[in-house]
């Protein structure tokens, strides 16, 4: 008497080792893990912000103290935003100036190259015309 294991081959498993399905599965898992990581980070940040707000609102402080704390936090945030915008503006201005200078250098180089090559072409045409005229004089 034989057992089922001896007569029946094992069932095929989708994504078994070495199949294209497995490789596609790995890529899909990496994509899902990437999405999950960003979702997790977003959830963490939202939770931290919510917790901070809840801590301010539920802390045993008077309304006046709470308003002062919120005002101080808002002022710090405003100052940070202004400073960040100023720094970004300085970086953009510096990059603009660098790009403008580089464009001037490239334009100057292109102009000089065109002038040099233009002179060489004119000289070659002049020499070719002279050679043609010499050949005509010999033949005539």
N, C-alpha and C. Protein backbone atom coordinates (compact mmCIF):
# COMPACT_ATOMS: atom_id res chain seq x y z
N UNK A 1 0.84 -1.16 0.00
CA UNK A 1 0.00 0.00 0.00
C UNK A 1 0.89 1.23 0.00
N UNK A 2 0.57 2.19 -0.86
CA UNK A 2 1.39 3.39 -0.94
C UNK A 2 0.65 4.55 -0.32
N UNK A 3 1.42 5.48 0.17
CA UNK A 3 0.79 6.66 0.79
C UNK A 3 0.58 7.74 -0.27
N UNK A 4 -0.25 8.70 0.07
CA UNK A 4 -0.50 9.82 -0.85
C UNK A 4 0.77 10.59 -1.15
N UNK A 5 1.70 10.62 -0.21
CA UNK A 5 2.94 11.36 -0.41
C UNK A 5 3.77 10.74 -1.52
N UNK A 6 3.71 9.43 -1.67
CA UNK A 6 4.51 8.75 -2.68
C UNK A 6 3.94 8.97 -4.07
N UNK A 7 2.63 9.08 -4.21
CA UNK A 7 2.02 9.12 -5.54
C UNK A 7 1.70 10.52 -6.02
N UNK A 8 1.42 11.45 -5.13
CA UNK A 8 1.03 12.80 -5.54
C UNK A 8 2.19 13.77 -5.38
N UNK A 9 2.48 14.53 -6.43
CA UNK A 9 3.55 15.53 -6.28
C UNK A 9 3.06 16.66 -5.37
N UNK A 10 4.00 17.34 -4.76
CA UNK A 10 3.58 18.45 -3.87
C UNK A 10 2.89 19.53 -4.69
N UNK A 11 1.92 20.21 -4.12
CA UNK A 11 1.22 21.26 -4.86
C UNK A 11 2.17 22.41 -5.18
N UNK A 12 1.93 23.03 -6.35
CA UNK A 12 2.78 24.16 -6.71
C UNK A 12 2.40 25.35 -5.85
N UNK A 13 3.43 26.02 -5.41
CA UNK A 13 3.24 27.18 -4.56
C UNK A 13 3.47 28.42 -5.41
N UNK A 14 2.48 29.33 -5.50
CA UNK A 14 2.72 30.56 -6.26
C UNK A 14 3.90 31.30 -5.66
N UNK A 15 4.79 31.76 -6.52
CA UNK A 15 5.95 32.50 -6.04
C UNK A 15 7.04 31.60 -5.49
N UNK A 16 7.06 30.34 -5.92
CA UNK A 16 8.10 29.44 -5.43
C UNK A 16 9.45 29.93 -5.90
N UNK A 17 10.50 29.50 -5.20
CA UNK A 17 11.85 29.97 -5.47
C UNK A 17 12.21 29.80 -6.94
N UNK A 18 12.82 30.86 -7.49
CA UNK A 18 13.30 30.80 -8.85
C UNK A 18 12.29 31.16 -9.91
N UNK A 19 11.05 31.44 -9.54
CA UNK A 19 10.04 31.77 -10.53
C UNK A 19 9.93 33.29 -10.64
N UNK A 20 9.47 33.79 -11.78
CA UNK A 20 9.28 35.23 -11.93
C UNK A 20 8.30 35.79 -10.91
N UNK A 21 7.35 34.95 -10.50
CA UNK A 21 6.36 35.41 -9.52
C UNK A 21 7.04 35.79 -8.21
N UNK A 22 8.07 35.04 -7.85
CA UNK A 22 8.75 35.33 -6.59
C UNK A 22 9.43 36.69 -6.68
N UNK A 23 10.09 36.95 -7.79
CA UNK A 23 10.79 38.22 -7.92
C UNK A 23 9.80 39.37 -7.93
N UNK A 24 8.69 39.20 -8.61
CA UNK A 24 7.67 40.24 -8.61
C UNK A 24 7.14 40.43 -7.19
N UNK A 25 6.99 39.34 -6.46
CA UNK A 25 6.51 39.42 -5.09
C UNK A 25 7.46 40.21 -4.21
N UNK A 26 8.77 40.01 -4.41
CA UNK A 26 9.77 40.74 -3.62
C UNK A 26 9.65 42.23 -3.90
N UNK A 27 9.55 42.60 -5.18
CA UNK A 27 9.42 44.01 -5.52
C UNK A 27 8.15 44.59 -4.91
N UNK A 28 7.05 43.81 -4.99
CA UNK A 28 5.80 44.29 -4.43
C UNK A 28 5.93 44.48 -2.92
N UNK A 29 6.60 43.55 -2.26
CA UNK A 29 6.77 43.65 -0.81
C UNK A 29 7.60 44.88 -0.45
N UNK A 30 8.66 45.15 -1.26
CA UNK A 30 9.49 46.32 -0.99
C UNK A 30 8.67 47.59 -1.16
N UNK A 31 7.83 47.63 -2.18
CA UNK A 31 6.99 48.80 -2.40
C UNK A 31 6.01 48.97 -1.26
N UNK A 32 5.40 47.88 -0.83
CA UNK A 32 4.46 47.94 0.29
C UNK A 32 5.18 48.38 1.56
N UNK A 33 6.39 47.84 1.78
CA UNK A 33 7.14 48.22 2.98
C UNK A 33 7.49 49.70 2.93
N UNK A 34 7.84 50.22 1.75
CA UNK A 34 8.17 51.64 1.60
C UNK A 34 6.95 52.48 1.93
N UNK A 35 5.79 52.10 1.40
CA UNK A 35 4.56 52.83 1.69
C UNK A 35 4.21 52.74 3.16
N UNK A 36 4.39 51.56 3.75
CA UNK A 36 4.10 51.40 5.17
C UNK A 36 5.01 52.26 6.01
N UNK A 37 6.29 52.37 5.62
CA UNK A 37 7.24 53.18 6.38
C UNK A 37 6.83 54.64 6.38
N UNK A 38 6.45 55.15 5.21
CA UNK A 38 6.05 56.56 5.15
C UNK A 38 4.74 56.77 5.90
N UNK A 39 3.83 55.81 5.81
CA UNK A 39 2.57 55.92 6.57
C UNK A 39 2.84 55.90 8.07
N UNK A 40 3.77 55.05 8.47
CA UNK A 40 4.11 54.95 9.89
C UNK A 40 4.72 56.25 10.38
N UNK A 41 5.63 56.83 9.60
CA UNK A 41 6.26 58.09 9.99
C UNK A 41 5.22 59.19 10.09
N UNK A 42 4.32 59.27 9.10
CA UNK A 42 3.27 60.28 9.12
C UNK A 42 2.38 60.10 10.35
N UNK A 43 2.01 58.87 10.64
CA UNK A 43 1.17 58.59 11.81
C UNK A 43 1.90 58.99 13.10
N UNK A 44 3.20 58.71 13.16
CA UNK A 44 3.97 59.07 14.35
C UNK A 44 3.99 60.59 14.53
N UNK A 45 4.26 61.32 13.45
CA UNK A 45 4.33 62.78 13.55
C UNK A 45 2.97 63.38 13.92
N UNK A 46 1.91 62.85 13.31
CA UNK A 46 0.57 63.35 13.67
C UNK A 46 0.24 63.02 15.12
N UNK A 47 0.63 61.86 15.56
CA UNK A 47 0.39 61.49 16.96
C UNK A 47 1.17 62.37 17.91
N UNK A 48 2.42 62.68 17.57
CA UNK A 48 3.22 63.55 18.43
C UNK A 48 2.62 64.95 18.50
N UNK A 49 2.17 65.46 17.36
CA UNK A 49 1.55 66.79 17.36
C UNK A 49 0.26 66.79 18.17
N UNK A 50 -0.54 65.77 17.99
CA UNK A 50 -1.79 65.65 18.74
C UNK A 50 -1.52 65.53 20.24
N UNK A 51 -0.52 64.75 20.58
CA UNK A 51 -0.16 64.60 21.99
C UNK A 51 0.32 65.91 22.60
N UNK A 52 1.10 66.67 21.82
CA UNK A 52 1.57 67.97 22.32
C UNK A 52 0.43 68.92 22.56
N UNK A 53 -0.50 68.96 21.63
CA UNK A 53 -1.67 69.83 21.78
C UNK A 53 -2.51 69.39 22.98
N UNK A 54 -2.72 68.09 23.09
CA UNK A 54 -3.50 67.57 24.22
C UNK A 54 -2.82 67.90 25.55
N UNK A 55 -1.50 67.78 25.60
CA UNK A 55 -0.77 68.08 26.83
C UNK A 55 -0.96 69.55 27.21
N UNK A 56 -0.91 70.43 26.24
CA UNK A 56 -1.12 71.85 26.54
C UNK A 56 -2.54 72.11 27.03
N UNK A 57 -3.50 71.50 26.36
CA UNK A 57 -4.89 71.77 26.73
C UNK A 57 -5.31 71.12 28.04
N UNK A 58 -4.71 69.99 28.37
CA UNK A 58 -5.12 69.27 29.57
C UNK A 58 -4.23 69.56 30.78
N UNK A 59 -3.15 70.30 30.57
CA UNK A 59 -2.25 70.60 31.69
C UNK A 59 -2.98 71.51 32.68
N UNK A 60 -2.70 71.33 33.96
CA UNK A 60 -3.39 72.15 34.96
C UNK A 60 -2.83 73.57 35.00
N UNK A 61 -3.18 74.37 34.00
CA UNK A 61 -2.77 75.76 33.96
C UNK A 61 -4.00 76.62 33.72
N UNK A 62 -3.87 77.87 34.07
CA UNK A 62 -5.00 78.78 33.85
C UNK A 62 -5.10 79.10 32.37
N UNK A 63 -6.22 79.63 31.97
CA UNK A 63 -6.43 80.01 30.58
C UNK A 63 -5.41 81.04 30.12
N UNK A 64 -5.08 81.96 31.02
CA UNK A 64 -4.11 83.00 30.68
C UNK A 64 -2.74 82.39 30.41
N UNK A 65 -2.30 81.49 31.30
CA UNK A 65 -1.00 80.83 31.12
C UNK A 65 -0.98 80.01 29.82
N UNK A 66 -2.09 79.33 29.56
CA UNK A 66 -2.17 78.52 28.35
C UNK A 66 -2.07 79.41 27.11
N UNK A 67 -2.78 80.52 27.12
CA UNK A 67 -2.71 81.45 25.98
C UNK A 67 -1.28 81.99 25.81
N UNK A 68 -0.61 82.27 26.93
CA UNK A 68 0.77 82.75 26.85
C UNK A 68 1.69 81.69 26.25
N UNK A 69 1.51 80.44 26.70
CA UNK A 69 2.34 79.35 26.15
C UNK A 69 2.09 79.17 24.66
N UNK A 70 0.82 79.21 24.28
CA UNK A 70 0.48 79.07 22.86
C UNK A 70 1.07 80.23 22.07
N UNK A 71 0.96 81.44 22.62
CA UNK A 71 1.52 82.62 21.96
C UNK A 71 3.03 82.53 21.81
N UNK A 72 3.71 82.06 22.88
CA UNK A 72 5.17 81.91 22.81
C UNK A 72 5.55 80.87 21.76
N UNK A 73 4.80 79.76 21.74
CA UNK A 73 5.07 78.73 20.75
C UNK A 73 4.84 79.23 19.34
N UNK A 74 3.78 80.01 19.17
CA UNK A 74 3.49 80.57 17.84
C UNK A 74 4.58 81.55 17.43
N UNK A 75 5.05 82.35 18.37
CA UNK A 75 6.11 83.32 18.06
C UNK A 75 7.41 82.61 17.69
N UNK A 76 7.74 81.54 18.40
CA UNK A 76 8.95 80.77 18.07
C UNK A 76 8.81 80.14 16.69
N UNK A 77 7.62 79.61 16.41
CA UNK A 77 7.38 78.99 15.10
C UNK A 77 7.48 80.03 14.00
N UNK A 78 6.91 81.21 14.24
CA UNK A 78 6.97 82.30 13.25
C UNK A 78 8.42 82.71 13.02
N UNK A 79 9.19 82.86 14.10
CA UNK A 79 10.60 83.27 13.97
C UNK A 79 11.39 82.20 13.21
N UNK A 80 11.12 80.95 13.51
CA UNK A 80 11.81 79.85 12.80
C UNK A 80 11.44 79.86 11.33
N UNK A 81 10.16 80.07 11.03
CA UNK A 81 9.71 80.09 9.63
C UNK A 81 10.36 81.25 8.88
N UNK A 82 10.44 82.41 9.50
CA UNK A 82 11.06 83.58 8.87
C UNK A 82 12.54 83.31 8.62
N UNK A 83 13.21 82.75 9.60
CA UNK A 83 14.64 82.45 9.45
C UNK A 83 14.88 81.42 8.35
N UNK A 84 14.04 80.40 8.33
CA UNK A 84 14.17 79.37 7.29
C UNK A 84 13.91 79.96 5.91
N UNK A 85 12.92 80.82 5.79
CA UNK A 85 12.63 81.47 4.51
C UNK A 85 13.78 82.37 4.08
N UNK A 86 14.37 83.08 5.05
CA UNK A 86 15.51 83.95 4.74
C UNK A 86 16.69 83.12 4.23
N UNK A 87 16.99 82.02 4.92
CA UNK A 87 18.08 81.15 4.50
C UNK A 87 17.82 80.56 3.12
N UNK A 88 16.59 80.14 2.88
CA UNK A 88 16.24 79.59 1.56
C UNK A 88 16.40 80.66 0.49
N UNK A 89 15.97 81.87 0.78
CA UNK A 89 16.12 82.97 -0.17
C UNK A 89 17.58 83.25 -0.47
N UNK A 90 18.42 83.22 0.55
CA UNK A 90 19.86 83.44 0.34
C UNK A 90 20.46 82.34 -0.54
N UNK A 91 20.04 81.11 -0.30
CA UNK A 91 20.56 80.00 -1.10
C UNK A 91 20.10 80.12 -2.55
N UNK A 92 18.84 80.48 -2.75
CA UNK A 92 18.31 80.64 -4.11
C UNK A 92 19.06 81.77 -4.82
N UNK A 93 19.28 82.89 -4.12
CA UNK A 93 20.00 84.01 -4.72
C UNK A 93 21.42 83.60 -5.09
N UNK A 94 22.09 82.87 -4.21
CA UNK A 94 23.46 82.42 -4.49
C UNK A 94 23.48 81.49 -5.70
N UNK A 95 22.54 80.56 -5.76
CA UNK A 95 22.48 79.63 -6.90
C UNK A 95 22.17 80.37 -8.19
N UNK A 96 21.30 81.38 -8.13
CA UNK A 96 20.97 82.18 -9.30
C UNK A 96 22.22 82.91 -9.79
N UNK A 97 22.97 83.50 -8.86
CA UNK A 97 24.17 84.22 -9.25
C UNK A 97 25.22 83.28 -9.84
N UNK A 98 25.35 82.09 -9.27
CA UNK A 98 26.28 81.09 -9.81
C UNK A 98 25.87 80.69 -11.23
N UNK A 99 24.58 80.43 -11.42
CA UNK A 99 24.09 80.01 -12.73
C UNK A 99 24.26 81.13 -13.75
N UNK A 100 24.01 82.37 -13.34
CA UNK A 100 24.17 83.51 -14.24
C UNK A 100 25.63 83.66 -14.66
N UNK A 101 26.52 83.55 -13.71
CA UNK A 101 27.95 83.66 -14.02
C UNK A 101 28.39 82.53 -14.95
N UNK A 102 27.93 81.34 -14.68
CA UNK A 102 28.29 80.20 -15.52
C UNK A 102 27.74 80.39 -16.94
N UNK A 103 26.53 80.91 -17.06
CA UNK A 103 25.94 81.15 -18.37
C UNK A 103 26.76 82.20 -19.13
N UNK A 104 27.22 83.24 -18.41
CA UNK A 104 28.08 84.25 -19.06
C UNK A 104 29.37 83.61 -19.57
N UNK A 105 29.97 82.76 -18.74
CA UNK A 105 31.21 82.10 -19.15
C UNK A 105 31.01 81.23 -20.39
N UNK A 106 29.92 80.48 -20.40
CA UNK A 106 29.62 79.61 -21.54
C UNK A 106 29.36 80.46 -22.78
N UNK A 107 28.61 81.54 -22.64
CA UNK A 107 28.31 82.41 -23.78
C UNK A 107 29.59 83.04 -24.32
N UNK A 108 30.46 83.49 -23.43
CA UNK A 108 31.73 84.09 -23.87
C UNK A 108 32.58 83.06 -24.60
N UNK A 109 32.64 81.85 -24.05
CA UNK A 109 33.40 80.78 -24.70
C UNK A 109 32.83 80.44 -26.06
N UNK A 110 31.52 80.40 -26.18
CA UNK A 110 30.88 80.08 -27.46
C UNK A 110 31.15 81.19 -28.47
N UNK A 111 31.10 82.42 -28.03
CA UNK A 111 31.37 83.55 -28.93
C UNK A 111 32.81 83.49 -29.43
N UNK A 112 33.76 83.27 -28.52
CA UNK A 112 35.16 83.19 -28.91
C UNK A 112 35.39 82.02 -29.87
N UNK A 113 34.77 80.90 -29.59
CA UNK A 113 34.91 79.73 -30.46
C UNK A 113 34.34 80.00 -31.85
N UNK A 114 33.19 80.66 -31.89
CA UNK A 114 32.58 80.99 -33.18
C UNK A 114 33.46 81.94 -33.98
N UNK A 115 34.04 82.93 -33.29
CA UNK A 115 34.93 83.87 -33.97
C UNK A 115 36.16 83.16 -34.51
N UNK A 116 36.76 82.28 -33.71
CA UNK A 116 37.95 81.55 -34.13
C UNK A 116 37.63 80.65 -35.33
N UNK A 117 36.54 79.90 -35.22
CA UNK A 117 36.18 79.00 -36.31
C UNK A 117 35.74 79.78 -37.54
N UNK A 118 35.08 80.90 -37.35
CA UNK A 118 34.67 81.74 -38.47
C UNK A 118 35.88 82.24 -39.24
N UNK A 119 36.91 82.67 -38.52
CA UNK A 119 38.14 83.14 -39.18
C UNK A 119 38.80 82.00 -39.94
N UNK A 120 38.82 80.81 -39.34
CA UNK A 120 39.45 79.66 -40.00
C UNK A 120 38.68 79.29 -41.28
N UNK A 121 37.36 79.36 -41.22
CA UNK A 121 36.55 79.02 -42.40
C UNK A 121 36.79 80.06 -43.49
N UNK A 122 36.82 81.33 -43.13
CA UNK A 122 37.07 82.38 -44.12
C UNK A 122 38.43 82.19 -44.78
N UNK A 123 39.42 81.86 -43.98
CA UNK A 123 40.77 81.64 -44.51
C UNK A 123 40.79 80.42 -45.43
N UNK A 124 40.09 79.35 -45.06
CA UNK A 124 40.04 78.15 -45.89
C UNK A 124 39.34 78.44 -47.21
N UNK A 125 38.27 79.21 -47.17
CA UNK A 125 37.56 79.57 -48.41
C UNK A 125 38.47 80.41 -49.29
N UNK A 126 39.17 81.36 -48.69
CA UNK A 126 40.09 82.22 -49.45
C UNK A 126 41.18 81.39 -50.12
N UNK A 127 41.76 80.44 -49.37
CA UNK A 127 42.80 79.58 -49.94
C UNK A 127 42.23 78.67 -51.03
N UNK A 128 41.04 78.17 -50.84
CA UNK A 128 40.40 77.32 -51.84
C UNK A 128 40.13 78.09 -53.12
N UNK A 129 39.69 79.31 -52.98
CA UNK A 129 39.42 80.15 -54.16
C UNK A 129 40.71 80.44 -54.91
N UNK A 130 41.77 80.74 -54.17
CA UNK A 130 43.08 81.01 -54.80
C UNK A 130 43.57 79.77 -55.54
N UNK A 131 43.41 78.59 -54.94
CA UNK A 131 43.84 77.35 -55.59
C UNK A 131 43.02 77.10 -56.85
N UNK A 132 41.74 77.40 -56.79
CA UNK A 132 40.87 77.23 -57.96
C UNK A 132 41.30 78.17 -59.08
N UNK A 133 41.58 79.41 -58.70
CA UNK A 133 42.03 80.39 -59.70
C UNK A 133 43.36 79.96 -60.34
N UNK A 134 44.28 79.41 -59.54
CA UNK A 134 45.56 78.92 -60.09
C UNK A 134 45.34 77.78 -61.08
N UNK A 135 44.43 76.87 -60.73
CA UNK A 135 44.15 75.74 -61.60
C UNK A 135 43.51 76.20 -62.92
N UNK A 136 42.64 77.21 -62.84
CA UNK A 136 42.03 77.77 -64.05
C UNK A 136 43.09 78.41 -64.95
N UNK A 137 44.03 79.10 -64.30
CA UNK A 137 45.10 79.80 -65.08
C UNK A 137 45.98 78.75 -65.77
N UNK A 138 46.27 77.64 -65.11
CA UNK A 138 47.09 76.58 -65.71
C UNK A 138 46.37 75.94 -66.90
N UNK A 139 45.10 75.73 -66.78
CA UNK A 139 44.32 75.05 -67.80
C UNK A 139 44.04 75.98 -68.97
N UNK A 140 44.04 77.27 -68.74
CA UNK A 140 43.63 78.19 -69.77
C UNK A 140 44.71 78.78 -70.58
